[in-house]
Amino acid sequence: MVAHTVLLDFTVSSSVIADMEKRSGLKSAIANVLAEHFTGLKPLTESNIDGSLLILYTGPRGSLITVRGYTEGLITLNIEYYKQDDQEALLTFEVFNELDKQSVKDDKKYLLESKC
């Protein structure tokens, strides 16, 4: 038995967090990437903390996924879940790397589109 925690982070322009329209697009891009890797992803709550963004999701096997967007443009994605000894990991190293690369790629794509 063990609890697993995976943390990813990447940066965007601080204006993406400050501007509500750009923030909405960023949230959609992140949700789309997460939904590709976590079957049954469901939003729990969303909040603003001193201008920053906080979104909580639940995922497979009772996982808790936290997305935090800081006003300076740092985005953190934290995935927590419990794993029995006989269960496979929710995220393999390969999926972790793919998720990391896809988050950054999709975010950069979003930023390029939002500047047009």
PDB file of N, CA and C in Angstrom:
ATOM      1  N   MET A   1       0.847  -1.182   0.000  1.00  0.00           N
ATOM      2  CA  MET A   1       0.000   0.000   0.000  1.00  0.00           C
ATOM      3  C   MET A   1       0.887   1.237   0.000  1.00  0.00           C
ATOM      4  N   VAL A   2       0.516   2.159  -0.857  1.00  0.00           N
ATOM      5  CA  VAL A   2       1.293   3.376  -0.912  1.00  0.00           C
ATOM      6  C   VAL A   2       0.456   4.482  -1.548  1.00  0.00           C
ATOM      7  N   ALA A   3       0.693   5.682  -1.111  1.00  0.00           N
ATOM      8  CA  ALA A   3       0.060   6.845  -1.737  1.00  0.00           C
ATOM      9  C   ALA A   3       1.037   7.406  -2.761  1.00  0.00           C
ATOM     10  N   HIS A   4       0.549   7.664  -3.941  1.00  0.00           N
ATOM     11  CA  HIS A   4       1.377   8.227  -5.004  1.00  0.00           C
ATOM     12  C   HIS A   4       1.018   9.691  -5.201  1.00  0.00           C
ATOM     13  N   THR A   5       2.031  10.507  -5.412  1.00  0.00           N
ATOM     14  CA  THR A   5       1.839  11.914  -5.737  1.00  0.00           C
ATOM     15  C   THR A   5       2.735  12.248  -6.920  1.00  0.00           C
ATOM     16  N   VAL A   6       2.141  12.846  -7.939  1.00  0.00           N
ATOM     17  CA  VAL A   6       2.867  13.259  -9.132  1.00  0.00           C
ATOM     18  C   VAL A   6       2.655  14.759  -9.289  1.00  0.00           C
ATOM     19  N   LEU A   7       3.736  15.500  -9.450  1.00  0.00           N
ATOM     20  CA  LEU A   7       3.641  16.950  -9.615  1.00  0.00           C
ATOM     21  C   LEU A   7       4.264  17.358 -10.938  1.00  0.00           C
ATOM     22  N   LEU A   8       3.500  18.078 -11.747  1.00  0.00           N
ATOM     23  CA  LEU A   8       3.984  18.661 -12.992  1.00  0.00           C
ATOM     24  C   LEU A   8       3.858  20.171 -12.865  1.00  0.00           C
ATOM     25  N   ASP A   9       4.739  20.901 -13.504  1.00  0.00           N
ATOM     26  CA  ASP A   9       4.576  22.350 -13.540  1.00  0.00           C
ATOM     27  C   ASP A   9       5.064  22.892 -14.873  1.00  0.00           C
ATOM     28  N   PHE A  10       4.480  23.996 -15.274  1.00  0.00           N
ATOM     29  CA  PHE A  10       4.880  24.693 -16.483  1.00  0.00           C
ATOM     30  C   PHE A  10       4.463  26.148 -16.338  1.00  0.00           C
ATOM     31  N   THR A  11       4.921  26.979 -17.229  1.00  0.00           N
ATOM     32  CA  THR A  11       4.613  28.407 -17.120  1.00  0.00           C
ATOM     33  C   THR A  11       3.864  28.903 -18.350  1.00  0.00           C
ATOM     34  N   VAL A  12       3.067  29.919 -18.103  1.00  0.00           N
ATOM     35  CA  VAL A  12       2.361  30.659 -19.140  1.00  0.00           C
ATOM     36  C   VAL A  12       2.585  32.134 -18.854  1.00  0.00           C
ATOM     37  N   SER A  13       2.190  32.966 -19.770  1.00  0.00           N
ATOM     38  CA  SER A  13       2.257  34.402 -19.525  1.00  0.00           C
ATOM     39  C   SER A  13       1.328  34.741 -18.358  1.00  0.00           C
ATOM     40  N   SER A  14       1.741  35.651 -17.501  1.00  0.00           N
ATOM     41  CA  SER A  14       0.891  36.038 -16.369  1.00  0.00           C
ATOM     42  C   SER A  14      -0.441  36.611 -16.840  1.00  0.00           C
ATOM     43  N   SER A  15      -0.483  37.142 -18.062  1.00  0.00           N
ATOM     44  CA  SER A  15      -1.743  37.691 -18.574  1.00  0.00           C
ATOM     45  C   SER A  15      -2.788  36.598 -18.797  1.00  0.00           C
ATOM     46  N   VAL A  16      -2.351  35.360 -18.990  1.00  0.00           N
ATOM     47  CA  VAL A  16      -3.294  34.254 -19.181  1.00  0.00           C
ATOM     48  C   VAL A  16      -4.062  33.991 -17.889  1.00  0.00           C
ATOM     49  N   ILE A  17      -3.435  34.190 -16.763  1.00  0.00           N
ATOM     50  CA  ILE A  17      -4.109  34.010 -15.478  1.00  0.00           C
ATOM     51  C   ILE A  17      -4.970  35.233 -15.162  1.00  0.00           C
ATOM     52  N   ALA A  18      -4.481  36.411 -15.471  1.00  0.00           N
ATOM     53  CA  ALA A  18      -5.189  37.650 -15.135  1.00  0.00           C
ATOM     54  C   ALA A  18      -6.421  37.884 -16.004  1.00  0.00           C
ATOM     55  N   ASP A  19      -6.337  37.552 -17.289  1.00  0.00           N
ATOM     56  CA  ASP A  19      -7.435  37.806 -18.229  1.00  0.00           C
ATOM     57  C   ASP A  19      -8.426  36.642 -18.177  1.00  0.00           C
ATOM     58  N   MET A  20      -9.677  36.925 -17.817  1.00  0.00           N
ATOM     59  CA  MET A  20     -10.667  35.865 -17.614  1.00  0.00           C
ATOM     60  C   MET A  20     -10.946  35.066 -18.890  1.00  0.00           C
ATOM     61  N   GLU A  21     -10.920  35.698 -20.049  1.00  0.00           N
ATOM     62  CA  GLU A  21     -11.157  34.974 -21.302  1.00  0.00           C
ATOM     63  C   GLU A  21     -10.003  34.022 -21.604  1.00  0.00           C
ATOM     64  N   LYS A  22      -8.770  34.500 -21.438  1.00  0.00           N
ATOM     65  CA  LYS A  22      -7.607  33.642 -21.653  1.00  0.00           C
ATOM     66  C   LYS A  22      -7.559  32.536 -20.599  1.00  0.00           C
ATOM     67  N   ARG A  23      -7.923  32.874 -19.376  1.00  0.00           N
ATOM     68  CA  ARG A  23      -7.942  31.877 -18.298  1.00  0.00           C
ATOM     69  C   ARG A  23      -8.919  30.761 -18.627  1.00  0.00           C
ATOM     70  N   SER A  24     -10.071  31.132 -19.158  1.00  0.00           N
ATOM     71  CA  SER A  24     -11.080  30.146 -19.529  1.00  0.00           C
ATOM     72  C   SER A  24     -10.543  29.190 -20.590  1.00  0.00           C
ATOM     73  N   GLY A  25      -9.851  29.727 -21.577  1.00  0.00           N
ATOM     74  CA  GLY A  25      -9.249  28.889 -22.609  1.00  0.00           C
ATOM     75  C   GLY A  25      -8.185  27.971 -22.053  1.00  0.00           C
ATOM     76  N   LEU A  26      -7.387  28.481 -21.127  1.00  0.00           N
ATOM     77  CA  LEU A  26      -6.351  27.668 -20.488  1.00  0.00           C
ATOM     78  C   LEU A  26      -6.980  26.527 -19.696  1.00  0.00           C
ATOM     79  N   LYS A  27      -8.029  26.833 -18.945  1.00  0.00           N
ATOM     80  CA  LYS A  27      -8.711  25.801 -18.160  1.00  0.00           C
ATOM     81  C   LYS A  27      -9.261  24.708 -19.070  1.00  0.00           C
ATOM     82  N   SER A  28      -9.827  25.094 -20.203  1.00  0.00           N
ATOM     83  CA  SER A  28     -10.353  24.111 -21.156  1.00  0.00           C
ATOM     84  C   SER A  28      -9.234  23.253 -21.725  1.00  0.00           C
ATOM     85  N   ALA A  29      -8.113  23.870 -22.077  1.00  0.00           N
ATOM     86  CA  ALA A  29      -6.979  23.127 -22.637  1.00  0.00           C
ATOM     87  C   ALA A  29      -6.456  22.115 -21.620  1.00  0.00           C
ATOM     88  N   ILE A  30      -6.319  22.524 -20.380  1.00  0.00           N
ATOM     89  CA  ILE A  30      -5.832  21.622 -19.336  1.00  0.00           C
ATOM     90  C   ILE A  30      -6.830  20.497 -19.094  1.00  0.00           C
ATOM     91  N   ALA A  31      -8.113  20.827 -19.019  1.00  0.00           N
ATOM     92  CA  ALA A  31      -9.141  19.804 -18.798  1.00  0.00           C
ATOM     93  C   ALA A  31      -9.147  18.782 -19.932  1.00  0.00           C
ATOM     94  N   ASN A  32      -8.963  19.246 -21.163  1.00  0.00           N
ATOM     95  CA  ASN A  32      -8.935  18.328 -22.306  1.00  0.00           C
ATOM     96  C   ASN A  32      -7.757  17.366 -22.227  1.00  0.00           C
ATOM     97  N   VAL A  33      -6.587  17.873 -21.852  1.00  0.00           N
ATOM     98  CA  VAL A  33      -5.407  17.012 -21.708  1.00  0.00           C
ATOM     99  C   VAL A  33      -5.643  15.999 -20.591  1.00  0.00           C
ATOM    100  N   LEU A  34      -6.157  16.444 -19.467  1.00  0.00           N
ATOM    101  CA  LEU A  34      -6.407  15.527 -18.352  1.00  0.00           C
ATOM    102  C   LEU A  34      -7.424  14.456 -18.723  1.00  0.00           C
ATOM    103  N   ALA A  35      -8.489  14.855 -19.422  1.00  0.00           N
ATOM    104  CA  ALA A  35      -9.542  13.906 -19.783  1.00  0.00           C
ATOM    105  C   ALA A  35      -9.026  12.799 -20.710  1.00  0.00           C
ATOM    106  N   GLU A  36      -8.000  13.098 -21.496  1.00  0.00           N
ATOM    107  CA  GLU A  36      -7.413  12.082 -22.369  1.00  0.00           C
ATOM    108  C   GLU A  36      -6.696  10.985 -21.575  1.00  0.00           C
ATOM    109  N   HIS A  37      -6.256  11.311 -20.374  1.00  0.00           N
ATOM    110  CA  HIS A  37      -5.455  10.371 -19.585  1.00  0.00           C
ATOM    111  C   HIS A  37      -6.165   9.828 -18.353  1.00  0.00           C
ATOM    112  N   PHE A  38      -7.249  10.469 -17.939  1.00  0.00           N
ATOM    113  CA  PHE A  38      -7.949  10.051 -16.727  1.00  0.00           C
ATOM    114  C   PHE A  38      -9.421   9.823 -17.028  1.00  0.00           C
ATOM    115  N   THR A  39      -9.777   8.556 -17.187  1.00  0.00           N
ATOM    116  CA  THR A  39     -11.158   8.185 -17.451  1.00  0.00           C
ATOM    117  C   THR A  39     -12.026   8.602 -16.267  1.00  0.00           C
ATOM    118  N   GLY A  40     -13.156   9.202 -16.567  1.00  0.00           N
ATOM    119  CA  GLY A  40     -14.089   9.588 -15.515  1.00  0.00           C
ATOM    120  C   GLY A  40     -13.700  10.861 -14.782  1.00  0.00           C
ATOM    121  N   LEU A  41     -12.877  11.690 -15.392  1.00  0.00           N
ATOM    122  CA  LEU A  41     -12.473  12.949 -14.769  1.00  0.00           C
ATOM    123  C   LEU A  41     -13.701  13.813 -14.499  1.00  0.00           C
ATOM    124  N   LYS A  42     -13.832  14.302 -13.258  1.00  0.00           N
ATOM    125  CA  LYS A  42     -14.978  15.127 -12.887  1.00  0.00           C
ATOM    126  C   LYS A  42     -14.502  16.333 -12.079  1.00  0.00           C
ATOM    127  N   PRO A  43     -14.938  17.524 -12.458  1.00  0.00           N
ATOM    128  CA  PRO A  43     -14.571  18.694 -11.656  1.00  0.00           C
ATOM    129  C   PRO A  43     -15.299  18.674 -10.312  1.00  0.00           C
ATOM    130  N   LEU A  44     -14.573  18.986  -9.253  1.00  0.00           N
ATOM    131  CA  LEU A  44     -15.171  19.069  -7.913  1.00  0.00           C
ATOM    132  C   LEU A  44     -15.508  20.506  -7.552  1.00  0.00           C
ATOM    133  N   THR A  45     -14.503  21.371  -7.688  1.00  0.00           N
ATOM    134  CA  THR A  45     -14.699  22.769  -7.307  1.00  0.00           C
ATOM    135  C   THR A  45     -13.659  23.635  -7.991  1.00  0.00           C
ATOM    136  N   GLU A  46     -13.961  24.914  -8.045  1.00  0.00           N
ATOM    137  CA  GLU A  46     -13.027  25.887  -8.601  1.00  0.00           C
ATOM    138  C   GLU A  46     -13.081  27.121  -7.716  1.00  0.00           C
ATOM    139  N   SER A  47     -11.915  27.712  -7.490  1.00  0.00           N
ATOM    140  CA  SER A  47     -11.853  28.878  -6.623  1.00  0.00           C
ATOM    141  C   SER A  47     -10.749  29.816  -7.078  1.00  0.00           C
ATOM    142  N   ASN A  48     -10.858  31.067  -6.666  1.00  0.00           N
ATOM    143  CA  ASN A  48      -9.807  32.056  -6.873  1.00  0.00           C
ATOM    144  C   ASN A  48      -9.179  32.356  -5.521  1.00  0.00           C
ATOM    145  N   ILE A  49      -7.869  32.389  -5.484  1.00  0.00           N
ATOM    146  CA  ILE A  49      -7.146  32.707  -4.259  1.00  0.00           C
ATOM    147  C   ILE A  49      -6.211  33.860  -4.582  1.00  0.00           C
ATOM    148  N   ASP A  50      -6.555  35.039  -4.136  1.00  0.00           N
ATOM    149  CA  ASP A  50      -5.741  36.237  -4.395  1.00  0.00           C
ATOM    150  C   ASP A  50      -5.383  36.382  -5.875  1.00  0.00           C
ATOM    151  N   GLY A  51      -6.363  36.167  -6.743  1.00  0.00           N
ATOM    152  CA  GLY A  51      -6.145  36.313  -8.173  1.00  0.00           C
ATOM    153  C   GLY A  51      -5.618  35.081  -8.867  1.00  0.00           C
ATOM    154  N   SER A  52      -5.249  34.050  -8.102  1.00  0.00           N
ATOM    155  CA  SER A  52      -4.768  32.819  -8.722  1.00  0.00           C
ATOM    156  C   SER A  52      -5.938  31.857  -8.912  1.00  0.00           C
ATOM    157  N   LEU A  53      -5.688  30.793  -9.624  1.00  0.00           N
ATOM    158  CA  LEU A  53      -6.701  29.822 -10.003  1.00  0.00           C
ATOM    159  C   LEU A  53      -6.473  28.515  -9.256  1.00  0.00           C
ATOM    160  N   LEU A  54      -7.541  27.903  -8.776  1.00  0.00           N
ATOM    161  CA  LEU A  54      -7.460  26.593  -8.135  1.00  0.00           C
ATOM    162  C   LEU A  54      -8.640  25.753  -8.619  1.00  0.00           C
ATOM    163  N   ILE A  55      -8.345  24.587  -9.202  1.00  0.00           N
ATOM    164  CA  ILE A  55      -9.390  23.678  -9.654  1.00  0.00           C
ATOM    165  C   ILE A  55      -9.086  22.290  -9.092  1.00  0.00           C
ATOM    166  N   LEU A  56     -10.098  21.645  -8.535  1.00  0.00           N
ATOM    167  CA  LEU A  56      -9.969  20.275  -8.041  1.00  0.00           C
ATOM    168  C   LEU A  56     -10.813  19.352  -8.896  1.00  0.00           C
ATOM    169  N   TYR A  57     -10.235  18.210  -9.266  1.00  0.00           N
ATOM    170  CA  TYR A  57     -10.938  17.177 -10.019  1.00  0.00           C
ATOM    171  C   TYR A  57     -10.815  15.860  -9.270  1.00  0.00           C
ATOM    172  N   THR A  58     -11.769  14.960  -9.502  1.00  0.00           N
ATOM    173  CA  THR A  58     -11.600  13.571  -9.105  1.00  0.00           C
ATOM    174  C   THR A  58     -11.388  12.768 -10.378  1.00  0.00           C
ATOM    175  N   GLY A  59     -10.679  11.679 -10.235  1.00  0.00           N
ATOM    176  CA  GLY A  59     -10.393  10.823 -11.377  1.00  0.00           C
ATOM    177  C   GLY A  59     -10.525   9.369 -10.999  1.00  0.00           C
ATOM    178  N   PRO A  60      -9.972   8.487 -11.802  1.00  0.00           N
ATOM    179  CA  PRO A  60     -10.093   7.056 -11.546  1.00  0.00           C
ATOM    180  C   PRO A  60      -9.458   6.650 -10.213  1.00  0.00           C
ATOM    181  N   ARG A  61     -10.043   5.615  -9.624  1.00  0.00           N
ATOM    182  CA  ARG A  61      -9.554   5.038  -8.361  1.00  0.00           C
ATOM    183  C   ARG A  61      -9.433   6.067  -7.248  1.00  0.00           C
ATOM    184  N   GLY A  62     -10.367   7.004  -7.224  1.00  0.00           N
ATOM    185  CA  GLY A  62     -10.393   7.978  -6.138  1.00  0.00           C
ATOM    186  C   GLY A  62      -9.274   8.992  -6.179  1.00  0.00           C
ATOM    187  N   SER A  63      -8.676   9.174  -7.341  1.00  0.00           N
ATOM    188  CA  SER A  63      -7.580  10.143  -7.434  1.00  0.00           C
ATOM    189  C   SER A  63      -8.106  11.572  -7.269  1.00  0.00           C
ATOM    190  N   LEU A  64      -7.243  12.423  -6.744  1.00  0.00           N
ATOM    191  CA  LEU A  64      -7.524  13.842  -6.590  1.00  0.00           C
ATOM    192  C   LEU A  64      -6.496  14.588  -7.431  1.00  0.00           C
ATOM    193  N   ILE A  65      -6.992  15.436  -8.316  1.00  0.00           N
ATOM    194  CA  ILE A  65      -6.124  16.179  -9.222  1.00  0.00           C
ATOM    195  C   ILE A  65      -6.334  17.657  -8.953  1.00  0.00           C
ATOM    196  N   THR A  66      -5.248  18.336  -8.622  1.00  0.00           N
ATOM    197  CA  THR A  66      -5.290  19.759  -8.299  1.00  0.00           C
ATOM    198  C   THR A  66      -4.556  20.534  -9.378  1.00  0.00           C
ATOM    199  N   VAL A  67      -5.226  21.548  -9.918  1.00  0.00           N
ATOM    200  CA  VAL A  67      -4.604  22.454 -10.875  1.00  0.00           C
ATOM    201  C   VAL A  67      -4.543  23.817 -10.202  1.00  0.00           C
ATOM    202  N   ARG A  68      -3.355  24.378 -10.145  1.00  0.00           N
ATOM    203  CA  ARG A  68      -3.178  25.692  -9.519  1.00  0.00           C
ATOM    204  C   ARG A  68      -2.475  26.598 -10.514  1.00  0.00           C
ATOM    205  N   GLY A  69      -3.051  27.749 -10.769  1.00  0.00           N
ATOM    206  CA  GLY A  69      -2.445  28.741 -11.646  1.00  0.00           C
ATOM    207  C   GLY A  69      -2.114  29.980 -10.832  1.00  0.00           C
ATOM    208  N   TYR A  70      -0.856  30.262 -10.677  1.00  0.00           N
ATOM    209  CA  TYR A  70      -0.406  31.410  -9.892  1.00  0.00           C
ATOM    210  C   TYR A  70      -0.408  32.673 -10.749  1.00  0.00           C
ATOM    211  N   THR A  71      -0.603  33.811 -10.122  1.00  0.00           N
ATOM    212  CA  THR A  71      -0.690  35.081 -10.852  1.00  0.00           C
ATOM    213  C   THR A  71       0.568  35.380 -11.659  1.00  0.00           C
ATOM    214  N   GLU A  72       1.691  34.828 -11.262  1.00  0.00           N
ATOM    215  CA  GLU A  72       2.951  35.043 -11.981  1.00  0.00           C
ATOM    216  C   GLU A  72       3.049  34.191 -13.250  1.00  0.00           C
ATOM    217  N   GLY A  73       2.098  33.248 -13.450  1.00  0.00           N
ATOM    218  CA  GLY A  73       2.081  32.428 -14.652  1.00  0.00           C
ATOM    219  C   GLY A  73       2.518  30.989 -14.443  1.00  0.00           C
ATOM    220  N   LEU A  74       2.878  30.611 -13.227  1.00  0.00           N
ATOM    221  CA  LEU A  74       3.240  29.224 -12.948  1.00  0.00           C
ATOM    222  C   LEU A  74       1.969  28.385 -12.822  1.00  0.00           C
ATOM    223  N   ILE A  75       1.947  27.245 -13.493  1.00  0.00           N
ATOM    224  CA  ILE A  75       0.826  26.306 -13.393  1.00  0.00           C
ATOM    225  C   ILE A  75       1.366  25.020 -12.776  1.00  0.00           C
ATOM    226  N   THR A  76       0.702  24.551 -11.718  1.00  0.00           N
ATOM    227  CA  THR A  76       1.082  23.261 -11.137  1.00  0.00           C
ATOM    228  C   THR A  76      -0.089  22.303 -11.288  1.00  0.00           C
ATOM    229  N   LEU A  77       0.247  21.059 -11.525  1.00  0.00           N
ATOM    230  CA  LEU A  77      -0.722  19.987 -11.677  1.00  0.00           C
ATOM    231  C   LEU A  77      -0.282  18.874 -10.741  1.00  0.00           C
ATOM    232  N   ASN A  78      -1.075  18.609  -9.708  1.00  0.00           N
ATOM    233  CA  ASN A  78      -0.727  17.613  -8.706  1.00  0.00           C
ATOM    234  C   ASN A  78      -1.744  16.474  -8.763  1.00  0.00           C
ATOM    235  N   ILE A  79      -1.260  15.257  -8.878  1.00  0.00           N
ATOM    236  CA  ILE A  79      -2.114  14.073  -8.978  1.00  0.00           C
ATOM    237  C   ILE A  79      -1.803  13.177  -7.785  1.00  0.00           C
ATOM    238  N   GLU A  80      -2.816  12.909  -6.970  1.00  0.00           N
ATOM    239  CA  GLU A  80      -2.648  12.071  -5.785  1.00  0.00           C
ATOM    240  C   GLU A  80      -3.597  10.892  -5.860  1.00  0.00           C
ATOM    241  N   TYR A  81      -3.094   9.702  -5.521  1.00  0.00           N
ATOM    242  CA  TYR A  81      -3.969   8.540  -5.477  1.00  0.00           C
ATOM    243  C   TYR A  81      -3.350   7.453  -4.608  1.00  0.00           C
ATOM    244  N   TYR A  82      -4.193   6.558  -4.173  1.00  0.00           N
ATOM    245  CA  TYR A  82      -3.785   5.437  -3.343  1.00  0.00           C
ATOM    246  C   TYR A  82      -3.645   4.194  -4.222  1.00  0.00           C
ATOM    247  N   LYS A  83      -2.598   3.415  -3.982  1.00  0.00           N
ATOM    248  CA  LYS A  83      -2.357   2.213  -4.777  1.00  0.00           C
ATOM    249  C   LYS A  83      -2.124   1.016  -3.858  1.00  0.00           C
ATOM    250  N   GLN A  84      -2.909  -0.005  -4.069  1.00  0.00           N
ATOM    251  CA  GLN A  84      -2.685  -1.277  -3.368  1.00  0.00           C
ATOM    252  C   GLN A  84      -1.437  -1.939  -3.953  1.00  0.00           C
ATOM    253  N   ASP A  85      -0.830  -2.831  -3.208  1.00  0.00           N
ATOM    254  CA  ASP A  85       0.374  -3.516  -3.670  1.00  0.00           C
ATOM    255  C   ASP A  85       0.158  -4.264  -4.986  1.00  0.00           C
ATOM    256  N   ASP A  86      -1.038  -4.819  -5.177  1.00  0.00           N
ATOM    257  CA  ASP A  86      -1.296  -5.618  -6.375  1.00  0.00           C
ATOM    258  C   ASP A  86      -1.877  -4.807  -7.540  1.00  0.00           C
ATOM    259  N   GLN A  87      -2.002  -3.486  -7.395  1.00  0.00           N
ATOM    260  CA  GLN A  87      -2.536  -2.645  -8.465  1.00  0.00           C
ATOM    261  C   GLN A  87      -1.417  -2.036  -9.300  1.00  0.00           C
ATOM    262  N   GLU A  88      -1.747  -1.804 -10.558  1.00  0.00           N
ATOM    263  CA  GLU A  88      -0.844  -1.075 -11.436  1.00  0.00           C
ATOM    264  C   GLU A  88      -0.873   0.402 -11.058  1.00  0.00           C
ATOM    265  N   ALA A  89       0.200   1.089 -11.322  1.00  0.00           N
ATOM    266  CA  ALA A  89       0.237   2.536 -11.082  1.00  0.00           C
ATOM    267  C   ALA A  89      -0.749   3.222 -12.018  1.00  0.00           C
ATOM    268  N   LEU A  90      -1.376   4.253 -11.547  1.00  0.00           N
ATOM    269  CA  LEU A  90      -2.312   5.027 -12.360  1.00  0.00           C
ATOM    270  C   LEU A  90      -1.584   5.707 -13.510  1.00  0.00           C
ATOM    271  N   LEU A  91      -0.368   6.149 -13.242  1.00  0.00           N
ATOM    272  CA  LEU A  91       0.465   6.778 -14.265  1.00  0.00           C
ATOM    273  C   LEU A  91       1.778   6.023 -14.374  1.00  0.00           C
ATOM    274  N   THR A  92       2.023   5.453 -15.519  1.00  0.00           N
ATOM    275  CA  THR A  92       3.330   4.855 -15.762  1.00  0.00           C
ATOM    276  C   THR A  92       4.308   5.995 -16.065  1.00  0.00           C
ATOM    277  N   PHE A  93       5.575   5.690 -16.053  1.00  0.00           N
ATOM    278  CA  PHE A  93       6.580   6.702 -16.371  1.00  0.00           C
ATOM    279  C   PHE A  93       6.347   7.260 -17.775  1.00  0.00           C
ATOM    280  N   GLU A  94       5.974   6.385 -18.709  1.00  0.00           N
ATOM    281  CA  GLU A  94       5.731   6.813 -20.091  1.00  0.00           C
ATOM    282  C   GLU A  94       4.535   7.755 -20.168  1.00  0.00           C
ATOM    283  N   VAL A  95       3.451   7.420 -19.464  1.00  0.00           N
ATOM    284  CA  VAL A  95       2.260   8.280 -19.477  1.00  0.00           C
ATOM    285  C   VAL A  95       2.571   9.604 -18.788  1.00  0.00           C
ATOM    286  N   PHE A  96       3.336   9.550 -17.697  1.00  0.00           N
ATOM    287  CA  PHE A  96       3.743  10.768 -17.000  1.00  0.00           C
ATOM    288  C   PHE A  96       4.490  11.697 -17.957  1.00  0.00           C
ATOM    289  N   ASN A  97       5.459  11.164 -18.691  1.00  0.00           N
ATOM    290  CA  ASN A  97       6.222  11.981 -19.644  1.00  0.00           C
ATOM    291  C   ASN A  97       5.334  12.512 -20.756  1.00  0.00           C
ATOM    292  N   GLU A  98       4.418  11.686 -21.246  1.00  0.00           N
ATOM    293  CA  GLU A  98       3.500  12.128 -22.295  1.00  0.00           C
ATOM    294  C   GLU A  98       2.596  13.248 -21.787  1.00  0.00           C
ATOM    295  N   LEU A  99       2.085  13.097 -20.581  1.00  0.00           N
ATOM    296  CA  LEU A  99       1.222  14.118 -19.989  1.00  0.00           C
ATOM    297  C   LEU A  99       1.985  15.424 -19.807  1.00  0.00           C
ATOM    298  N   ASP A 100       3.210  15.321 -19.338  1.00  0.00           N
ATOM    299  CA  ASP A 100       4.045  16.499 -19.151  1.00  0.00           C
ATOM    300  C   ASP A 100       4.271  17.211 -20.482  1.00  0.00           C
ATOM    301  N   LYS A 101       4.655  16.477 -21.503  1.00  0.00           N
ATOM    302  CA  LYS A 101       4.911  17.067 -22.821  1.00  0.00           C
ATOM    303  C   LYS A 101       3.634  17.615 -23.443  1.00  0.00           C
ATOM    304  N   GLN A 102       2.529  16.875 -23.302  1.00  0.00           N
ATOM    305  CA  GLN A 102       1.275  17.303 -23.904  1.00  0.00           C
ATOM    306  C   GLN A 102       0.734  18.555 -23.216  1.00  0.00           C
ATOM    307  N   SER A 103       0.886  18.647 -21.913  1.00  0.00           N
ATOM    308  CA  SER A 103       0.422  19.840 -21.198  1.00  0.00           C
ATOM    309  C   SER A 103       1.131  21.079 -21.717  1.00  0.00           C
ATOM    310  N   VAL A 104       2.424  20.974 -21.865  1.00  0.00           N
ATOM    311  CA  VAL A 104       3.204  22.117 -22.344  1.00  0.00           C
ATOM    312  C   VAL A 104       2.875  22.402 -23.807  1.00  0.00           C
ATOM    313  N   LYS A 105       2.802  21.357 -24.633  1.00  0.00           N
ATOM    314  CA  LYS A 105       2.523  21.534 -26.067  1.00  0.00           C
ATOM    315  C   LYS A 105       1.148  22.169 -26.263  1.00  0.00           C
ATOM    316  N   ASP A 106       0.116  21.635 -25.594  1.00  0.00           N
ATOM    317  CA  ASP A 106      -1.226  22.169 -25.765  1.00  0.00           C
ATOM    318  C   ASP A 106      -1.327  23.581 -25.227  1.00  0.00           C
ATOM    319  N   ASP A 107      -0.619  23.856 -24.132  1.00  0.00           N
ATOM    320  CA  ASP A 107      -0.645  25.187 -23.572  1.00  0.00           C
ATOM    321  C   ASP A 107       0.003  26.179 -24.529  1.00  0.00           C
ATOM    322  N   LYS A 108       1.149  25.815 -25.104  1.00  0.00           N
ATOM    323  CA  LYS A 108       1.814  26.704 -26.062  1.00  0.00           C
ATOM    324  C   LYS A 108       0.923  26.928 -27.271  1.00  0.00           C
ATOM    325  N   LYS A 109       0.250  25.861 -27.714  1.00  0.00           N
ATOM    326  CA  LYS A 109      -0.674  25.981 -28.850  1.00  0.00           C
ATOM    327  C   LYS A 109      -1.777  26.970 -28.493  1.00  0.00           C
ATOM    328  N   TYR A 110      -2.350  26.831 -27.288  1.00  0.00           N
ATOM    329  CA  TYR A 110      -3.399  27.728 -26.843  1.00  0.00           C
ATOM    330  C   TYR A 110      -2.904  29.165 -26.818  1.00  0.00           C
ATOM    331  N   LEU A 111      -1.706  29.378 -26.298  1.00  0.00           N
ATOM    332  CA  LEU A 111      -1.170  30.734 -26.194  1.00  0.00           C
ATOM    333  C   LEU A 111      -0.967  31.348 -27.575  1.00  0.00           C
ATOM    334  N   LEU A 112      -0.476  30.565 -28.528  1.00  0.00           N
ATOM    335  CA  LEU A 112      -0.287  31.077 -29.875  1.00  0.00           C
ATOM    336  C   LEU A 112      -1.629  31.454 -30.502  1.00  0.00           C
ATOM    337  N   GLU A 113      -2.647  30.612 -30.297  1.00  0.00           N
ATOM    338  CA  GLU A 113      -3.958  30.910 -30.853  1.00  0.00           C
ATOM    339  C   GLU A 113      -4.588  32.130 -30.189  1.00  0.00           C
ATOM    340  N   SER A 114      -4.375  32.307 -28.896  1.00  0.00           N
ATOM    341  CA  SER A 114      -5.010  33.412 -28.187  1.00  0.00           C
ATOM    342  C   SER A 114      -4.369  34.764 -28.525  1.00  0.00           C
ATOM    343  N   LYS A 115      -3.145  34.747 -29.062  1.00  0.00           N
ATOM    344  CA  LYS A 115      -2.491  35.999 -29.430  1.00  0.00           C
ATOM    345  C   LYS A 115      -2.942  36.493 -30.788  1.00  0.00           C
ATOM    346  N   CYS A 116      -3.564  35.650 -31.583  1.00  0.00           N
ATOM    347  CA  CYS A 116      -3.997  36.037 -32.938  1.00  0.00           C
ATOM    348  C   CYS A 116      -5.250  36.891 -32.888  1.00  0.00           C
TER     349      CYS A 116
END
